[in-house]
Amino acid sequence: MKAKILLVDDDELLRGILASMLPDYEVIEADNGRTAVELYKKYKPDLVLMDVMMPVMDGVEATKQILKENPKAKVLAITAFAPIRGNEMLEAGAMDIITKPITRKRLNDIVREYLTIKKDEN
């Protein structure tokens, strides 16, 4: 059974590119934080890749709500704005910050690493 990854980004093209870089996983896509929270509750993914700056609900608030739903949820921020908003994501409960752009190999290495970590080890 493939691990489920919730990929959250308001840029449809970028979401498609990132999803295509993760062929070994079941990828569920969301275009904003509010949808991400709803899909998290429905699908209970193994890992969330969360953009930070999005309309409707940003990644910081979505991360907080997902972690309220499941304190052991694994959320990784994926952003081009790490220097500006990265700390907010970590304070909200994200396990790490992935900086865009990212290569296929690096993305898959990071995903494999975090899928094997138990949340309470963080």
N, C-alpha and C. Protein backbone atom coordinates (compact mmCIF):
# COMPACT_ATOMS: atom_id res chain seq x y z
N MET A 1 0.84 -1.19 0.00
CA MET A 1 0.00 0.00 0.00
C MET A 1 0.88 1.25 0.00
N LYS A 2 0.59 2.17 -0.91
CA LYS A 2 1.38 3.39 -1.02
C LYS A 2 1.08 4.34 0.13
N ALA A 3 2.12 5.02 0.59
CA ALA A 3 1.92 6.07 1.60
C ALA A 3 1.17 7.23 0.93
N LYS A 4 0.32 7.91 1.73
CA LYS A 4 -0.46 9.03 1.22
C LYS A 4 0.22 10.34 1.59
N ILE A 5 0.34 11.22 0.60
CA ILE A 5 0.91 12.54 0.82
C ILE A 5 -0.12 13.57 0.41
N LEU A 6 -0.39 14.51 1.31
CA LEU A 6 -1.25 15.64 0.99
C LEU A 6 -0.35 16.77 0.54
N LEU A 7 -0.49 17.18 -0.71
CA LEU A 7 0.33 18.22 -1.32
C LEU A 7 -0.51 19.48 -1.43
N VAL A 8 -0.09 20.54 -0.74
CA VAL A 8 -0.90 21.75 -0.66
C VAL A 8 -0.12 22.93 -1.24
N ASP A 9 -0.65 23.48 -2.34
CA ASP A 9 -0.03 24.65 -2.98
C ASP A 9 -1.08 25.31 -3.86
N ASP A 10 -1.14 26.63 -3.83
CA ASP A 10 -2.14 27.33 -4.63
C ASP A 10 -1.75 27.42 -6.10
N ASP A 11 -0.50 27.12 -6.44
CA ASP A 11 -0.03 27.15 -7.82
C ASP A 11 -0.28 25.78 -8.46
N GLU A 12 -1.30 25.72 -9.33
CA GLU A 12 -1.72 24.44 -9.92
C GLU A 12 -0.59 23.79 -10.72
N LEU A 13 0.15 24.58 -11.48
CA LEU A 13 1.25 24.04 -12.28
C LEU A 13 2.32 23.43 -11.38
N LEU A 14 2.70 24.15 -10.33
CA LEU A 14 3.71 23.66 -9.41
C LEU A 14 3.23 22.39 -8.69
N ARG A 15 1.96 22.38 -8.29
CA ARG A 15 1.39 21.18 -7.65
C ARG A 15 1.53 19.98 -8.57
N GLY A 16 1.22 20.18 -9.84
CA GLY A 16 1.33 19.10 -10.81
C GLY A 16 2.76 18.61 -10.97
N ILE A 17 3.70 19.54 -11.01
CA ILE A 17 5.11 19.17 -11.12
C ILE A 17 5.55 18.39 -9.89
N LEU A 18 5.23 18.91 -8.71
CA LEU A 18 5.62 18.22 -7.47
C LEU A 18 4.97 16.84 -7.37
N ALA A 19 3.70 16.75 -7.74
CA ALA A 19 3.01 15.45 -7.69
C ALA A 19 3.68 14.45 -8.64
N SER A 20 4.09 14.93 -9.81
CA SER A 20 4.75 14.03 -10.77
C SER A 20 6.12 13.59 -10.28
N MET A 21 6.69 14.33 -9.34
CA MET A 21 7.99 13.97 -8.77
C MET A 21 7.86 12.91 -7.67
N LEU A 22 6.63 12.55 -7.33
CA LEU A 22 6.37 11.60 -6.24
C LEU A 22 5.58 10.39 -6.74
N PRO A 23 6.09 9.67 -7.76
CA PRO A 23 5.31 8.58 -8.35
C PRO A 23 5.10 7.37 -7.44
N ASP A 24 5.90 7.25 -6.39
CA ASP A 24 5.79 6.09 -5.50
C ASP A 24 4.76 6.29 -4.39
N TYR A 25 4.04 7.40 -4.43
CA TYR A 25 3.10 7.72 -3.35
C TYR A 25 1.73 8.05 -3.93
N GLU A 26 0.72 7.90 -3.09
CA GLU A 26 -0.62 8.37 -3.45
C GLU A 26 -0.66 9.84 -3.06
N VAL A 27 -0.76 10.72 -4.04
CA VAL A 27 -0.72 12.15 -3.79
C VAL A 27 -2.14 12.72 -3.87
N ILE A 28 -2.53 13.41 -2.81
CA ILE A 28 -3.81 14.09 -2.73
C ILE A 28 -3.48 15.58 -2.79
N GLU A 29 -4.16 16.33 -3.66
CA GLU A 29 -3.81 17.73 -3.87
C GLU A 29 -4.87 18.67 -3.29
N ALA A 30 -4.37 19.77 -2.73
CA ALA A 30 -5.25 20.84 -2.24
C ALA A 30 -4.67 22.17 -2.70
N ASP A 31 -5.57 23.13 -3.02
CA ASP A 31 -5.10 24.41 -3.53
C ASP A 31 -5.12 25.54 -2.50
N ASN A 32 -5.52 25.22 -1.27
CA ASN A 32 -5.46 26.23 -0.20
C ASN A 32 -5.53 25.50 1.15
N GLY A 33 -5.27 26.25 2.20
CA GLY A 33 -5.22 25.66 3.54
C GLY A 33 -6.54 25.09 4.02
N ARG A 34 -7.63 25.77 3.71
CA ARG A 34 -8.94 25.28 4.17
C ARG A 34 -9.25 23.92 3.56
N THR A 35 -9.02 23.80 2.26
CA THR A 35 -9.23 22.51 1.58
C THR A 35 -8.29 21.46 2.15
N ALA A 36 -7.06 21.86 2.46
CA ALA A 36 -6.07 20.94 3.02
C ALA A 36 -6.57 20.35 4.34
N VAL A 37 -7.13 21.17 5.20
CA VAL A 37 -7.64 20.70 6.49
C VAL A 37 -8.78 19.70 6.26
N GLU A 38 -9.69 20.02 5.34
CA GLU A 38 -10.81 19.12 5.04
C GLU A 38 -10.30 17.79 4.50
N LEU A 39 -9.33 17.84 3.56
CA LEU A 39 -8.79 16.62 2.97
C LEU A 39 -7.97 15.83 3.98
N TYR A 40 -7.30 16.53 4.89
CA TYR A 40 -6.55 15.83 5.93
C TYR A 40 -7.51 14.99 6.78
N LYS A 41 -8.61 15.59 7.18
CA LYS A 41 -9.59 14.88 8.01
C LYS A 41 -10.17 13.68 7.26
N LYS A 42 -10.39 13.84 5.96
CA LYS A 42 -11.00 12.77 5.17
C LYS A 42 -10.03 11.63 4.88
N TYR A 43 -8.80 11.94 4.49
CA TYR A 43 -7.87 10.91 4.00
C TYR A 43 -6.79 10.49 5.00
N LYS A 44 -6.58 11.26 6.05
CA LYS A 44 -5.54 10.94 7.05
C LYS A 44 -4.20 10.58 6.39
N PRO A 45 -3.62 11.51 5.62
CA PRO A 45 -2.36 11.21 4.92
C PRO A 45 -1.21 10.97 5.89
N ASP A 46 -0.19 10.29 5.39
CA ASP A 46 0.99 9.98 6.20
C ASP A 46 1.91 11.18 6.33
N LEU A 47 1.82 12.12 5.38
CA LEU A 47 2.70 13.28 5.35
C LEU A 47 1.99 14.40 4.63
N VAL A 48 2.22 15.64 5.09
CA VAL A 48 1.65 16.82 4.44
C VAL A 48 2.80 17.71 3.98
N LEU A 49 2.77 18.09 2.70
CA LEU A 49 3.71 19.08 2.16
C LEU A 49 2.90 20.35 1.99
N MET A 50 3.19 21.35 2.82
CA MET A 50 2.33 22.53 2.94
C MET A 50 3.04 23.80 2.47
N ASP A 51 2.48 24.42 1.43
CA ASP A 51 2.94 25.75 1.03
C ASP A 51 2.58 26.72 2.14
N VAL A 52 3.26 27.84 2.18
CA VAL A 52 3.01 28.81 3.25
C VAL A 52 2.03 29.89 2.81
N MET A 53 2.34 30.55 1.72
CA MET A 53 1.54 31.70 1.30
C MET A 53 0.49 31.26 0.27
N MET A 54 -0.79 31.24 0.73
CA MET A 54 -1.91 30.82 -0.11
C MET A 54 -3.13 31.65 0.23
N PRO A 55 -4.06 31.77 -0.73
CA PRO A 55 -5.33 32.45 -0.42
C PRO A 55 -6.23 31.57 0.43
N VAL A 56 -7.32 32.11 0.89
CA VAL A 56 -8.36 31.45 1.70
C VAL A 56 -7.84 31.16 3.11
N MET A 57 -6.82 30.31 3.23
CA MET A 57 -6.18 30.04 4.51
C MET A 57 -4.72 29.73 4.23
N ASP A 58 -3.81 30.42 4.92
CA ASP A 58 -2.38 30.18 4.65
C ASP A 58 -1.90 28.90 5.33
N GLY A 59 -0.66 28.53 5.02
CA GLY A 59 -0.09 27.29 5.54
C GLY A 59 0.10 27.28 7.04
N VAL A 60 0.34 28.44 7.63
CA VAL A 60 0.53 28.52 9.08
C VAL A 60 -0.76 28.11 9.79
N GLU A 61 -1.87 28.71 9.40
CA GLU A 61 -3.15 28.40 10.04
C GLU A 61 -3.58 26.97 9.74
N ALA A 62 -3.38 26.53 8.50
CA ALA A 62 -3.75 25.16 8.14
C ALA A 62 -2.94 24.14 8.95
N THR A 63 -1.66 24.41 9.14
CA THR A 63 -0.81 23.52 9.93
C THR A 63 -1.33 23.43 11.36
N LYS A 64 -1.67 24.58 11.94
CA LYS A 64 -2.21 24.58 13.31
C LYS A 64 -3.48 23.74 13.40
N GLN A 65 -4.37 23.90 12.42
CA GLN A 65 -5.64 23.17 12.46
C GLN A 65 -5.44 21.67 12.25
N ILE A 66 -4.52 21.31 11.36
CA ILE A 66 -4.24 19.89 11.14
C ILE A 66 -3.66 19.27 12.42
N LEU A 67 -2.76 19.98 13.08
CA LEU A 67 -2.15 19.46 14.30
C LEU A 67 -3.14 19.43 15.47
N LYS A 68 -4.15 20.30 15.42
CA LYS A 68 -5.22 20.24 16.42
C LYS A 68 -6.04 18.97 16.19
N GLU A 69 -6.26 18.63 14.93
CA GLU A 69 -6.98 17.41 14.55
C GLU A 69 -6.17 16.17 14.93
N ASN A 70 -4.86 16.21 14.66
CA ASN A 70 -3.99 15.07 14.95
C ASN A 70 -2.60 15.59 15.36
N PRO A 71 -2.32 15.64 16.65
CA PRO A 71 -1.03 16.16 17.13
C PRO A 71 0.18 15.40 16.59
N LYS A 72 -0.01 14.19 16.08
CA LYS A 72 1.11 13.42 15.53
C LYS A 72 1.26 13.59 14.02
N ALA A 73 0.46 14.46 13.42
CA ALA A 73 0.55 14.70 11.98
C ALA A 73 1.94 15.19 11.61
N LYS A 74 2.41 14.74 10.47
CA LYS A 74 3.72 15.15 9.97
C LYS A 74 3.50 16.19 8.87
N VAL A 75 3.85 17.43 9.18
CA VAL A 75 3.69 18.52 8.22
C VAL A 75 5.07 19.10 7.92
N LEU A 76 5.38 19.21 6.63
CA LEU A 76 6.60 19.86 6.19
C LEU A 76 6.20 21.09 5.39
N ALA A 77 6.79 22.22 5.71
CA ALA A 77 6.54 23.43 4.93
C ALA A 77 7.36 23.33 3.66
N ILE A 78 6.76 23.72 2.54
CA ILE A 78 7.49 23.76 1.28
C ILE A 78 7.23 25.14 0.69
N THR A 79 8.29 25.96 0.66
CA THR A 79 8.09 27.36 0.34
C THR A 79 9.32 28.01 -0.30
N ALA A 80 9.06 29.02 -1.07
CA ALA A 80 10.14 29.85 -1.61
C ALA A 80 10.43 31.00 -0.64
N PHE A 81 9.62 31.11 0.41
CA PHE A 81 9.73 32.23 1.35
C PHE A 81 10.26 31.80 2.71
N ALA A 82 11.12 30.80 2.74
CA ALA A 82 11.64 30.27 4.01
C ALA A 82 12.23 31.36 4.91
N PRO A 83 13.05 32.28 4.38
CA PRO A 83 13.61 33.30 5.28
C PRO A 83 12.55 34.21 5.89
N ILE A 84 11.44 34.39 5.18
CA ILE A 84 10.41 35.31 5.65
C ILE A 84 9.39 34.62 6.56
N ARG A 85 8.90 33.45 6.15
CA ARG A 85 7.80 32.80 6.86
C ARG A 85 8.15 31.46 7.48
N GLY A 86 9.38 30.99 7.28
CA GLY A 86 9.78 29.67 7.77
C GLY A 86 9.59 29.49 9.26
N ASN A 87 10.03 30.47 10.04
CA ASN A 87 9.89 30.34 11.50
C ASN A 87 8.44 30.25 11.94
N GLU A 88 7.55 30.96 11.26
CA GLU A 88 6.12 30.88 11.59
C GLU A 88 5.61 29.45 11.42
N MET A 89 6.07 28.79 10.35
CA MET A 89 5.65 27.41 10.11
C MET A 89 6.19 26.48 11.19
N LEU A 90 7.43 26.67 11.58
CA LEU A 90 8.00 25.83 12.65
C LEU A 90 7.27 26.06 13.96
N GLU A 91 6.96 27.31 14.25
CA GLU A 91 6.21 27.64 15.48
C GLU A 91 4.80 27.04 15.44
N ALA A 92 4.23 26.93 14.24
CA ALA A 92 2.89 26.35 14.09
C ALA A 92 2.92 24.83 14.24
N GLY A 93 4.12 24.24 14.15
CA GLY A 93 4.23 22.80 14.35
C GLY A 93 4.81 22.01 13.19
N ALA A 94 5.20 22.69 12.11
CA ALA A 94 5.83 21.98 10.99
C ALA A 94 7.13 21.35 11.47
N MET A 95 7.44 20.18 10.94
CA MET A 95 8.64 19.46 11.35
C MET A 95 9.91 20.03 10.70
N ASP A 96 9.76 20.62 9.51
CA ASP A 96 10.92 21.10 8.77
C ASP A 96 10.45 22.05 7.67
N ILE A 97 11.42 22.74 7.07
CA ILE A 97 11.16 23.65 5.97
C ILE A 97 11.90 23.13 4.74
N ILE A 98 11.19 22.96 3.65
CA ILE A 98 11.79 22.60 2.36
C ILE A 98 11.73 23.85 1.50
N THR A 99 12.87 24.24 0.96
CA THR A 99 12.93 25.45 0.16
C THR A 99 12.72 25.14 -1.32
N LYS A 100 11.80 25.89 -1.94
CA LYS A 100 11.60 25.79 -3.39
C LYS A 100 12.67 26.65 -4.06
N PRO A 101 13.12 26.30 -5.24
CA PRO A 101 12.79 25.09 -5.98
C PRO A 101 13.52 23.89 -5.39
N ILE A 102 13.04 22.70 -5.75
CA ILE A 102 13.61 21.46 -5.21
C ILE A 102 13.73 20.43 -6.33
N THR A 103 14.75 19.63 -6.25
CA THR A 103 14.93 18.57 -7.25
C THR A 103 14.11 17.35 -6.87
N ARG A 104 13.84 16.50 -7.86
CA ARG A 104 13.10 15.26 -7.63
C ARG A 104 13.80 14.39 -6.59
N LYS A 105 15.12 14.24 -6.72
CA LYS A 105 15.87 13.39 -5.79
C LYS A 105 15.77 13.93 -4.36
N ARG A 106 16.00 15.22 -4.19
CA ARG A 106 15.96 15.81 -2.85
C ARG A 106 14.56 15.68 -2.25
N LEU A 107 13.53 15.93 -3.03
CA LEU A 107 12.16 15.83 -2.53
C LEU A 107 11.88 14.39 -2.06
N ASN A 108 12.24 13.42 -2.88
CA ASN A 108 11.99 12.02 -2.51
C ASN A 108 12.83 11.60 -1.31
N ASP A 109 14.07 12.08 -1.21
CA ASP A 109 14.90 11.77 -0.04
C ASP A 109 14.25 12.31 1.23
N ILE A 110 13.77 13.54 1.17
CA ILE A 110 13.14 14.18 2.33
C ILE A 110 11.85 13.43 2.71
N VAL A 111 11.03 13.13 1.72
CA VAL A 111 9.77 12.43 1.99
C VAL A 111 10.05 11.07 2.63
N ARG A 112 10.99 10.30 2.07
CA ARG A 112 11.32 8.99 2.66
C ARG A 112 11.80 9.15 4.11
N GLU A 113 12.65 10.16 4.33
CA GLU A 113 13.18 10.39 5.69
C GLU A 113 12.05 10.66 6.68
N TYR A 114 11.13 11.54 6.34
CA TYR A 114 10.08 11.91 7.28
C TYR A 114 8.99 10.85 7.41
N LEU A 115 8.81 10.03 6.40
CA LEU A 115 7.83 8.95 6.53
C LEU A 115 8.31 7.90 7.51
N THR A 116 9.61 7.80 7.74
CA THR A 116 10.15 6.80 8.68
C THR A 116 10.31 7.34 10.11
N ILE A 117 10.16 8.65 10.28
CA ILE A 117 10.30 9.26 11.62
C ILE A 117 8.95 9.21 12.33
N LYS A 118 8.99 8.81 13.59
CA LYS A 118 7.77 8.90 14.41
C LYS A 118 7.65 10.34 14.87
N LYS A 119 6.46 10.89 14.83
CA LYS A 119 6.24 12.31 15.13
C LYS A 119 6.76 12.68 16.53
N ASP A 120 6.58 11.81 17.51
CA ASP A 120 7.00 12.18 18.86
C ASP A 120 8.52 12.14 19.03
N GLU A 121 9.26 11.72 18.00
CA GLU A 121 10.72 11.77 18.06
C GLU A 121 11.22 13.16 17.68
N ASN A 122 10.38 13.95 17.09
CA ASN A 122 10.77 15.29 16.61
C ASN A 122 11.10 16.21 17.77
